[in-house]
Amino acid sequence: MIDLQIKKPIHFIELNGNPHRDGNVATLMNWVLKGCKEAGAKVELINLIDHHIQYCEPFHTCIRSSDCSINDGMIKCVLN
């Protein structure tokens, strides 16, 4: 039998970009997270539909300074 227990602390973050929060994609993602959690990992599912995220603009601020010039919900997703 294969030992599927995680030896080191691991954190899985799944980003669901599907607009159907409780659809088939979310169901599949929850199955994966359940298995990871059972193996000892810390898990988190982020539904992007819950956040106001704008399209990237060609300002290239992030390339020059590592900061995004767009003040939207993406920073909350990244920092949480």
C-alpha atoms as a PDB file:
ATOM      1  CA  MET A   1       0.000   0.000   0.000  1.00  0.00           C
ATOM      2  CA  ILE A   2       1.230   3.491  -0.845  1.00  0.00           C
ATOM      3  CA  ASP A   3       1.704   5.960   2.038  1.00  0.00           C
ATOM      4  CA  LEU A   4      -0.044   9.187   0.987  1.00  0.00           C
ATOM      5  CA  GLN A   5       0.602  11.118   4.190  1.00  0.00           C
ATOM      6  CA  ILE A   6       2.385  14.424   3.683  1.00  0.00           C
ATOM      7  CA  LYS A   7       5.660  14.516   5.612  1.00  0.00           C
ATOM      8  CA  LYS A   8       6.244  18.294   5.541  1.00  0.00           C
ATOM      9  CA  PRO A   9       3.643  21.016   6.108  1.00  0.00           C
ATOM     10  CA  ILE A  10       2.141  21.937   2.759  1.00  0.00           C
ATOM     11  CA  HIS A  11      -0.507  24.495   1.810  1.00  0.00           C
ATOM     12  CA  PHE A  12      -2.661  23.978  -1.271  1.00  0.00           C
ATOM     13  CA  ILE A  13      -4.533  26.940  -2.718  1.00  0.00           C
ATOM     14  CA  GLU A  14      -6.977  26.308  -5.530  1.00  0.00           C
ATOM     15  CA  LEU A  15      -8.238  29.213  -7.615  1.00  0.00           C
ATOM     16  CA  ASN A  16     -11.660  28.607  -9.114  1.00  0.00           C
ATOM     17  CA  GLY A  17     -12.164  30.911 -12.088  1.00  0.00           C
ATOM     18  CA  ASN A  18     -15.484  29.333 -13.056  1.00  0.00           C
ATOM     19  CA  PRO A  19     -18.489  31.664 -12.627  1.00  0.00           C
ATOM     20  CA  HIS A  20     -20.523  28.734 -11.234  1.00  0.00           C
ATOM     21  CA  ARG A  21     -19.419  28.664  -7.603  1.00  0.00           C
ATOM     22  CA  ASP A  22     -21.152  25.329  -6.942  1.00  0.00           C
ATOM     23  CA  GLY A  23     -20.781  23.787 -10.398  1.00  0.00           C
ATOM     24  CA  ASN A  24     -18.934  20.728 -11.656  1.00  0.00           C
ATOM     25  CA  VAL A  25     -15.518  22.387 -11.557  1.00  0.00           C
ATOM     26  CA  ALA A  26     -16.002  23.374  -7.917  1.00  0.00           C
ATOM     27  CA  THR A  27     -17.126  19.837  -7.078  1.00  0.00           C
ATOM     28  CA  LEU A  28     -14.008  18.365  -8.647  1.00  0.00           C
ATOM     29  CA  MET A  29     -11.792  20.928  -6.912  1.00  0.00           C
ATOM     30  CA  ASN A  30     -13.401  20.131  -3.562  1.00  0.00           C
ATOM     31  CA  TRP A  31     -12.685  16.421  -4.054  1.00  0.00           C
ATOM     32  CA  VAL A  32      -9.023  17.232  -4.654  1.00  0.00           C
ATOM     33  CA  LEU A  33      -8.878  19.512  -1.611  1.00  0.00           C
ATOM     34  CA  LYS A  34     -10.568  16.864   0.525  1.00  0.00           C
ATOM     35  CA  GLY A  35      -7.903  14.324  -0.426  1.00  0.00           C
ATOM     36  CA  CYS A  36      -5.127  16.832   0.264  1.00  0.00           C
ATOM     37  CA  LYS A  37      -6.640  17.675   3.643  1.00  0.00           C
ATOM     38  CA  GLU A  38      -6.967  14.002   4.553  1.00  0.00           C
ATOM     39  CA  ALA A  39      -3.281  13.592   3.696  1.00  0.00           C
ATOM     40  CA  GLY A  40      -2.409  16.351   6.178  1.00  0.00           C
ATOM     41  CA  ALA A  41      -2.183  19.470   4.020  1.00  0.00           C
ATOM     42  CA  LYS A  42      -3.640  22.871   4.795  1.00  0.00           C
ATOM     43  CA  VAL A  43      -6.115  23.688   2.016  1.00  0.00           C
ATOM     44  CA  GLU A  44      -7.936  26.739   0.708  1.00  0.00           C
ATOM     45  CA  LEU A  45     -10.334  27.326  -2.167  1.00  0.00           C
ATOM     46  CA  ILE A  46     -10.645  30.843  -3.575  1.00  0.00           C
ATOM     47  CA  ASN A  47     -13.581  31.570  -5.861  1.00  0.00           C
ATOM     48  CA  LEU A  48     -12.446  34.379  -8.135  1.00  0.00           C
ATOM     49  CA  ILE A  49     -16.083  35.256  -8.851  1.00  0.00           C
ATOM     50  CA  ASP A  50     -16.213  36.613  -5.270  1.00  0.00           C
ATOM     51  CA  HIS A  51     -13.525  39.203  -6.048  1.00  0.00           C
ATOM     52  CA  HIS A  52     -13.586  42.233  -8.318  1.00  0.00           C
ATOM     53  CA  ILE A  53     -10.612  41.580 -10.614  1.00  0.00           C
ATOM     54  CA  GLN A  54      -9.936  43.744 -13.641  1.00  0.00           C
ATOM     55  CA  TYR A  55      -8.013  42.897 -16.789  1.00  0.00           C
ATOM     56  CA  CYS A  56      -4.314  43.759 -16.889  1.00  0.00           C
ATOM     57  CA  GLU A  57      -3.458  47.042 -18.571  1.00  0.00           C
ATOM     58  CA  PRO A  58      -0.334  47.572 -20.677  1.00  0.00           C
ATOM     59  CA  PHE A  59       1.204  49.984 -18.151  1.00  0.00           C
ATOM     60  CA  HIS A  60       4.040  47.547 -17.322  1.00  0.00           C
ATOM     61  CA  THR A  61       4.247  49.043 -13.822  1.00  0.00           C
ATOM     62  CA  CYS A  62       4.548  45.558 -12.365  1.00  0.00           C
ATOM     63  CA  ILE A  63       7.598  44.808 -14.487  1.00  0.00           C
ATOM     64  CA  ARG A  64       9.378  48.001 -13.457  1.00  0.00           C
ATOM     65  CA  SER A  65       8.481  48.122  -9.758  1.00  0.00           C
ATOM     66  CA  SER A  66       6.874  44.768  -8.786  1.00  0.00           C
ATOM     67  CA  ASP A  67       3.684  46.686  -7.955  1.00  0.00           C
ATOM     68  CA  CYS A  68       0.410  46.512  -9.832  1.00  0.00           C
ATOM     69  CA  SER A  69      -1.099  49.838 -10.853  1.00  0.00           C
ATOM     70  CA  ILE A  70      -4.627  48.385 -10.819  1.00  0.00           C
ATOM     71  CA  ASN A  71      -6.338  48.596  -7.441  1.00  0.00           C
ATOM     72  CA  ASP A  72      -8.750  45.661  -7.538  1.00  0.00           C
ATOM     73  CA  GLY A  73      -9.563  42.459  -5.642  1.00  0.00           C
ATOM     74  CA  MET A  74      -6.555  40.524  -6.934  1.00  0.00           C
ATOM     75  CA  ILE A  75      -4.289  41.860  -4.198  1.00  0.00           C
ATOM     76  CA  LYS A  76      -6.628  40.352  -1.590  1.00  0.00           C
ATOM     77  CA  CYS A  77      -6.409  36.967  -3.325  1.00  0.00           C
ATOM     78  CA  VAL A  78      -2.614  37.098  -3.432  1.00  0.00           C
ATOM     79  CA  LEU A  79      -2.039  38.352   0.115  1.00  0.00           C
ATOM     80  CA  ASN A  80      -4.503  36.063   1.888  1.00  0.00           C
END
